[in-house]
Amino acid sequence: MDVELPPFVRDTAAQFGAGVPYALKVLAGQLADDPDMGRPSNLPGILTVMVDGDLFEDCPALAVGYIREPDRIEIRYVNPISFAESAEPVADAQKQQVEGPVGLATDVVTVREVADAWQRITGWLQRNAPDSYAALRAGAGPAAIAALEGDLGIRIPVELHVLWLLTAGDNGVNGGGCLPGNWALMTLDAVAATYRLKTDSQAHEDTFNADRPEEEWITVWKDAWIPVVALGPADGTAGLYLDAATGYLGRWSRYNEAPGEELDTLVTYLEEAADMLEAPALATRDKPGLIGGALVWLSSIHRAQEDRWQPWTG
């Protein structure tokens, strides 16, 4: 049985302690002999096995998530237990929301894609921009996400559910978040407040739409739109929403400009952000760089920061 450890997981894991690579080597041998030693996690299709840090020098207790296929095992994430307890994905109740085996299979793929893309981003931040990494909030618990779902009155799509379980927002550094353009993942409180603000704006427009011809109706918000990303950690004037009905991202603004389609899914958006960090020479939408220990994207540099900004070249 082959046991694979992707480079981005290996690099991230090495940051947790000098003894972690050796611990993972030992674990890989154990998994090759006993592929089913892990327990099912709340993340569909992923098994979790715990590593006792006391058995290895300079190694914390670890939670290691892996997928098991007929002829191979692939380790998907490695986290210290303290982090893993707050970030362990998808509650059992979410599985019950999936209708039929096809839906479950699709969700399994989506869960893996989101987890992989976010691990690539946070791994890069931890290695290269520790201030930005430290600004990320711990994951939200299933109860907090369920409460938000009840507040909004719509089902949270699986990709967003997983992302919030991994991190519940970005506090930012010097007013900027870690996503392209220095945009920031919104906190759950900010999501709820923005959703209420936008639905109130639409209700206001609907009073006028009643007297307009249908072709002149103005739509500034739909019930299925969930705000996800904001212009900055403390700047909620604009951002991106996830359309729960279509799975695509779109732009929102407090000033009620016509929403624009991004034609990105949350998965492709996160994957592209990870790609730009890992291969900046190929980046097209934005370019990553550093100011001290913070990630700062080229498109959002203030003039006062230009002489301190160092482009990231990989």
Protein backbone atom coordinates (compact mmCIF):
# COMPACT_ATOMS: atom_id res chain seq x y z
CA MET A 1 0.00 0.00 0.00
CA ASP A 2 1.55 3.31 -1.10
CA VAL A 3 1.24 6.20 1.36
CA GLU A 4 1.56 9.64 -0.25
CA LEU A 5 2.31 12.92 1.54
CA PRO A 6 1.83 15.91 -0.80
CA PRO A 7 4.62 18.52 -0.68
CA PHE A 8 2.40 21.32 0.62
CA VAL A 9 1.25 19.12 3.53
CA ARG A 10 4.83 18.04 4.26
CA ASP A 11 6.08 21.64 4.24
CA THR A 12 3.29 22.83 6.51
CA ALA A 13 3.73 19.93 8.93
CA ALA A 14 7.46 20.64 9.28
CA GLN A 15 6.60 24.00 10.83
CA PHE A 16 4.97 22.30 13.82
CA GLY A 17 8.22 20.86 15.16
CA ALA A 18 11.52 19.33 14.07
CA GLY A 19 10.29 15.87 15.05
CA VAL A 20 7.10 15.99 12.99
CA PRO A 21 8.59 14.70 9.69
CA TYR A 22 9.97 11.64 11.48
CA ALA A 23 6.64 11.06 13.24
CA LEU A 24 4.86 11.17 9.88
CA LYS A 25 7.39 8.73 8.42
CA VAL A 26 6.61 6.30 11.22
CA LEU A 27 2.87 6.85 10.75
CA ALA A 28 3.18 6.23 7.00
CA GLY A 29 4.70 2.82 7.73
CA GLN A 30 1.88 2.00 10.13
CA LEU A 31 -0.76 3.06 7.60
CA ALA A 32 0.85 0.92 4.91
CA ASP A 33 0.40 -2.08 7.19
CA ASP A 34 -3.01 -1.08 8.56
CA PRO A 35 -4.83 1.32 6.14
CA ASP A 36 -7.98 1.34 8.26
CA MET A 37 -6.37 2.34 11.56
CA GLY A 38 -7.97 5.79 11.43
CA ARG A 39 -11.46 6.61 12.60
CA PRO A 40 -14.11 8.21 10.36
CA SER A 41 -14.05 11.98 10.69
CA ASN A 42 -16.95 14.35 10.25
CA LEU A 43 -15.44 15.14 6.85
CA PRO A 44 -16.91 12.70 4.31
CA GLY A 45 -14.37 10.22 2.93
CA ILE A 46 -11.54 11.21 5.27
CA LEU A 47 -10.19 9.11 8.14
CA THR A 48 -8.38 10.68 11.08
CA VAL A 49 -5.58 9.17 13.13
CA MET A 50 -3.98 10.75 16.17
CA VAL A 51 -0.23 10.88 16.77
CA ASP A 52 0.95 10.88 20.40
CA GLY A 53 3.53 13.66 20.54
CA ASP A 54 5.09 12.22 23.70
CA LEU A 55 6.48 9.38 21.61
CA PHE A 56 8.59 11.71 19.47
CA GLU A 57 11.05 14.45 20.35
CA ASP A 58 9.93 17.99 19.38
CA CYS A 59 6.56 16.85 18.08
CA PRO A 60 3.16 18.00 19.37
CA ALA A 61 0.14 15.75 19.45
CA LEU A 62 -1.21 15.66 15.91
CA ALA A 63 -4.42 14.93 14.04
CA VAL A 64 -3.68 13.49 10.62
CA GLY A 65 -6.42 13.20 8.02
CA TYR A 66 -6.12 10.81 5.08
CA ILE A 67 -8.13 9.25 2.29
CA ARG A 68 -7.96 5.52 1.66
CA GLU A 69 -8.24 4.15 -1.88
CA PRO A 70 -7.83 0.53 -2.99
CA ASP A 71 -4.12 0.82 -3.79
CA ARG A 72 -3.02 4.05 -2.12
CA ILE A 73 -3.38 6.35 0.85
CA GLU A 74 -2.99 10.11 0.60
CA ILE A 75 -2.49 12.24 3.70
CA ARG A 76 -4.59 15.38 3.26
CA TYR A 77 -3.87 17.43 6.37
CA VAL A 78 -1.73 17.49 9.49
CA ASN A 79 -2.73 19.73 12.39
CA PRO A 80 -1.74 20.06 16.05
CA ILE A 81 -4.53 18.65 18.21
CA SER A 82 -5.34 22.08 19.67
CA PHE A 83 -6.04 23.44 16.19
CA ALA A 84 -7.68 20.30 14.89
CA GLU A 85 -10.23 20.32 17.71
CA SER A 86 -11.49 23.73 16.57
CA ALA A 87 -11.18 22.99 12.86
CA GLU A 88 -12.37 19.38 12.53
CA PRO A 89 -14.74 19.50 9.60
CA VAL A 90 -18.34 18.85 8.83
CA ALA A 91 -20.81 17.85 11.48
CA ASP A 92 -22.82 14.65 11.13
CA ALA A 93 -25.99 16.68 10.72
CA GLN A 94 -24.67 18.08 7.46
CA LYS A 95 -24.41 14.61 5.97
CA GLN A 96 -28.12 14.18 6.53
CA GLN A 97 -28.76 17.19 4.29
CA VAL A 98 -27.27 15.41 1.26
CA GLU A 99 -29.90 13.76 -0.88
CA GLY A 100 -28.84 10.48 -2.46
CA PRO A 101 -25.47 8.88 -3.20
CA VAL A 102 -24.68 11.21 -6.09
CA GLY A 103 -25.04 14.25 -3.85
CA LEU A 104 -22.84 12.66 -1.20
CA ALA A 105 -20.13 11.84 -3.75
CA THR A 106 -20.19 15.41 -5.02
CA ASP A 107 -19.93 16.76 -1.47
CA VAL A 108 -16.96 14.52 -0.71
CA VAL A 109 -15.05 15.99 -3.65
CA THR A 110 -16.03 19.55 -2.71
CA VAL A 111 -14.98 19.05 0.91
CA ARG A 112 -11.57 17.77 -0.17
CA GLU A 113 -11.06 20.61 -2.65
CA VAL A 114 -11.90 23.33 -0.13
CA ALA A 115 -9.78 21.74 2.60
CA ASP A 116 -6.83 21.29 0.23
CA ALA A 117 -6.99 24.84 -1.15
CA TRP A 118 -7.29 26.42 2.29
CA GLN A 119 -4.46 24.28 3.68
CA ARG A 120 -2.26 25.49 0.80
CA ILE A 121 -3.09 29.12 1.62
CA THR A 122 -2.61 28.81 5.36
CA GLY A 123 0.53 26.73 4.91
CA TRP A 124 2.04 29.50 2.78
CA LEU A 125 1.00 32.13 5.32
CA GLN A 126 2.49 30.19 8.20
CA ARG A 127 5.82 29.81 6.41
CA ASN A 128 6.10 33.27 4.88
CA ALA A 129 3.62 35.73 6.44
CA PRO A 130 3.22 34.77 10.11
CA ASP A 131 1.41 38.01 11.00
CA SER A 132 -1.30 37.28 8.43
CA TYR A 133 -1.49 33.67 9.59
CA ALA A 134 -1.94 34.76 13.20
CA ALA A 135 -4.81 37.07 12.17
CA LEU A 136 -6.97 34.17 10.98
CA ARG A 137 -9.66 33.15 13.44
CA ALA A 138 -10.09 29.59 14.63
CA GLY A 139 -12.80 27.57 12.97
CA ALA A 140 -16.43 27.99 13.97
CA GLY A 141 -18.22 25.13 15.67
CA PRO A 142 -21.11 23.32 13.95
CA ALA A 143 -23.56 24.92 16.40
CA ALA A 144 -22.45 28.44 15.43
CA ILE A 145 -22.86 27.67 11.74
CA ALA A 146 -26.26 26.09 12.36
CA ALA A 147 -27.31 29.22 14.27
CA LEU A 148 -26.24 31.41 11.36
CA GLU A 149 -28.12 29.15 8.97
CA GLY A 150 -31.25 29.64 11.07
CA ASP A 151 -30.68 33.39 11.18
CA LEU A 152 -30.35 33.64 7.39
CA GLY A 153 -33.14 31.17 6.77
CA ILE A 154 -31.24 29.29 4.05
CA ARG A 155 -29.05 26.21 3.92
CA ILE A 156 -25.32 26.94 4.00
CA PRO A 157 -23.65 25.25 0.97
CA VAL A 158 -21.20 22.50 1.87
CA GLU A 159 -18.16 24.39 0.52
CA LEU A 160 -18.86 27.40 2.73
CA HIS A 161 -19.72 25.18 5.69
CA VAL A 162 -16.33 23.48 5.42
CA LEU A 163 -14.42 26.75 5.04
CA TRP A 164 -16.05 28.22 8.15
CA LEU A 165 -15.23 25.07 10.10
CA LEU A 166 -11.60 25.65 9.15
CA THR A 167 -11.58 29.39 9.89
CA ALA A 168 -14.34 31.73 11.01
CA GLY A 169 -12.95 34.94 9.54
CA ASP A 170 -9.86 37.08 9.15
CA ASN A 171 -9.00 39.85 11.63
CA GLY A 172 -6.45 41.18 9.15
CA VAL A 173 -3.17 43.07 9.48
CA ASN A 174 -3.03 46.87 9.05
CA GLY A 175 -6.53 46.87 7.58
CA GLY A 176 -5.90 44.18 4.98
CA GLY A 177 -6.96 40.58 4.71
CA CYS A 178 -5.05 37.67 3.18
CA LEU A 179 -7.13 37.12 0.04
CA PRO A 180 -6.29 38.73 -3.34
CA GLY A 181 -6.77 42.48 -3.28
CA ASN A 182 -6.19 42.29 0.49
CA TRP A 183 -9.83 41.30 0.83
CA ALA A 184 -10.82 39.42 3.97
CA LEU A 185 -12.93 36.41 4.82
CA MET A 186 -15.86 37.80 6.82
CA THR A 187 -16.67 36.81 10.38
CA LEU A 188 -20.00 35.08 10.96
CA ASP A 189 -21.35 38.17 12.75
CA ALA A 190 -20.39 40.32 9.76
CA VAL A 191 -22.06 37.84 7.41
CA ALA A 192 -25.32 38.05 9.35
CA ALA A 193 -25.23 41.85 9.63
CA THR A 194 -24.48 42.33 5.92
CA TYR A 195 -27.18 39.87 4.90
CA ARG A 196 -29.76 41.74 6.96
CA LEU A 197 -28.62 45.07 5.53
CA LYS A 198 -28.86 43.83 1.96
CA THR A 199 -32.22 42.11 2.37
CA ASP A 200 -33.58 45.31 3.94
CA SER A 201 -32.30 47.22 0.90
CA GLN A 202 -34.08 44.79 -1.40
CA ALA A 203 -37.30 45.10 0.59
CA HIS A 204 -37.06 48.86 0.13
CA GLU A 205 -36.59 48.43 -3.62
CA ASP A 206 -39.51 46.01 -3.77
CA THR A 207 -41.87 48.73 -2.56
CA PHE A 208 -40.93 50.70 -5.67
CA ASN A 209 -40.81 47.63 -7.91
CA ALA A 210 -44.52 47.16 -7.23
CA ASP A 211 -45.17 50.33 -9.26
CA ARG A 212 -42.59 49.67 -11.98
CA PRO A 213 -42.94 47.65 -15.16
CA GLU A 214 -41.39 44.21 -14.66
CA GLU A 215 -38.54 44.98 -17.05
CA GLU A 216 -37.56 47.93 -14.81
CA TRP A 217 -37.49 46.05 -11.53
CA ILE A 218 -34.29 46.61 -9.55
CA THR A 219 -32.64 43.69 -7.79
CA VAL A 220 -29.86 44.50 -5.35
CA TRP A 221 -30.04 41.25 -3.39
CA LYS A 222 -31.49 37.75 -3.49
CA ASP A 223 -32.29 35.50 -0.56
CA ALA A 224 -29.85 32.85 -1.82
CA TRP A 225 -26.86 35.23 -1.76
CA ILE A 226 -24.56 34.76 1.24
CA PRO A 227 -21.86 37.41 1.82
CA VAL A 228 -18.48 35.72 2.26
CA VAL A 229 -15.62 38.12 1.54
CA ALA A 230 -15.37 41.84 2.34
CA LEU A 231 -13.17 44.62 1.03
CA GLY A 232 -11.26 44.51 4.31
CA PRO A 233 -11.57 43.23 7.87
CA ALA A 234 -13.19 46.50 8.93
CA ASP A 235 -14.48 47.63 5.53
CA GLY A 236 -17.88 46.18 4.68
CA THR A 237 -18.67 48.52 1.80
CA ALA A 238 -18.18 45.83 -0.84
CA GLY A 239 -17.23 42.20 -1.25
CA LEU A 240 -18.17 38.84 -2.71
CA TYR A 241 -21.24 36.71 -2.07
CA LEU A 242 -21.80 33.02 -2.73
CA ASP A 243 -25.02 32.26 -4.57
CA ALA A 244 -26.36 29.19 -2.76
CA ALA A 245 -28.62 28.45 -5.73
CA THR A 246 -25.91 28.36 -8.42
CA GLY A 247 -22.65 27.90 -6.50
CA TYR A 248 -21.05 30.94 -8.13
CA LEU A 249 -19.55 34.02 -6.54
CA GLY A 250 -20.72 37.54 -7.33
CA ARG A 251 -19.89 41.06 -6.22
CA TRP A 252 -21.95 43.04 -3.74
CA SER A 253 -21.73 46.65 -2.64
CA ARG A 254 -23.33 48.68 0.11
CA TYR A 255 -24.10 51.32 -2.49
CA ASN A 256 -26.36 48.92 -4.37
CA GLU A 257 -24.54 48.96 -7.68
CA ALA A 258 -25.73 46.22 -9.98
CA PRO A 259 -24.20 42.95 -8.76
CA GLY A 260 -21.54 41.48 -11.01
CA GLU A 261 -20.91 37.80 -11.63
CA GLU A 262 -17.42 36.56 -10.84
CA LEU A 263 -18.05 33.20 -12.56
CA ASP A 264 -15.81 31.64 -9.92
CA THR A 265 -16.93 29.02 -7.47
CA LEU A 266 -15.61 29.26 -3.93
CA VAL A 267 -13.33 26.32 -4.73
CA THR A 268 -11.82 27.90 -7.86
CA TYR A 269 -11.44 31.24 -6.06
CA LEU A 270 -9.46 29.65 -3.21
CA GLU A 271 -7.47 27.45 -5.58
CA GLU A 272 -6.44 30.45 -7.67
CA ALA A 273 -5.39 32.37 -4.55
CA ALA A 274 -3.24 29.38 -3.54
CA ASP A 275 -1.81 29.14 -7.06
CA MET A 276 -0.83 32.83 -7.05
CA LEU A 277 0.98 32.41 -3.74
CA GLU A 278 2.82 29.28 -4.83
CA ALA A 279 3.62 30.39 -8.41
CA PRO A 280 3.61 34.23 -8.40
CA ALA A 281 5.30 34.42 -11.81
CA LEU A 282 2.17 32.90 -13.34
CA ALA A 283 -0.30 35.05 -11.40
CA THR A 284 -2.59 37.18 -13.55
CA ARG A 285 -5.23 38.72 -11.28
CA ASP A 286 -2.87 39.99 -8.58
CA LYS A 287 0.68 39.64 -7.29
CA PRO A 288 1.59 38.67 -3.72
CA GLY A 289 4.25 40.42 -1.68
CA LEU A 290 5.34 41.05 1.89
CA ILE A 291 5.59 43.98 4.24
CA GLY A 292 7.33 42.59 7.27
CA GLY A 293 5.43 39.50 8.32
CA ALA A 294 2.22 40.39 6.50
CA LEU A 295 0.97 39.35 3.08
CA VAL A 296 0.14 42.41 0.97
CA TRP A 297 -1.21 42.09 -2.57
CA LEU A 298 0.12 44.43 -5.27
CA SER A 299 -3.28 45.76 -6.31
CA SER A 300 -3.91 47.26 -2.86
CA ILE A 301 -0.59 48.80 -1.85
CA HIS A 302 -0.87 52.28 -0.39
CA ARG A 303 1.66 54.80 -1.63
CA ALA A 304 3.10 55.11 1.84
CA GLN A 305 3.84 51.37 1.78
CA GLU A 306 5.41 51.09 -1.67
CA ASP A 307 9.03 51.43 -0.50
CA ARG A 308 8.52 48.66 2.10
CA TRP A 309 6.72 46.18 -0.14
CA GLN A 310 8.77 43.21 -1.31
CA PRO A 311 7.35 41.14 -4.17
CA TRP A 312 7.16 37.43 -3.48
CA THR A 313 9.05 35.50 -6.13
CA GLY A 314 8.77 32.00 -4.69
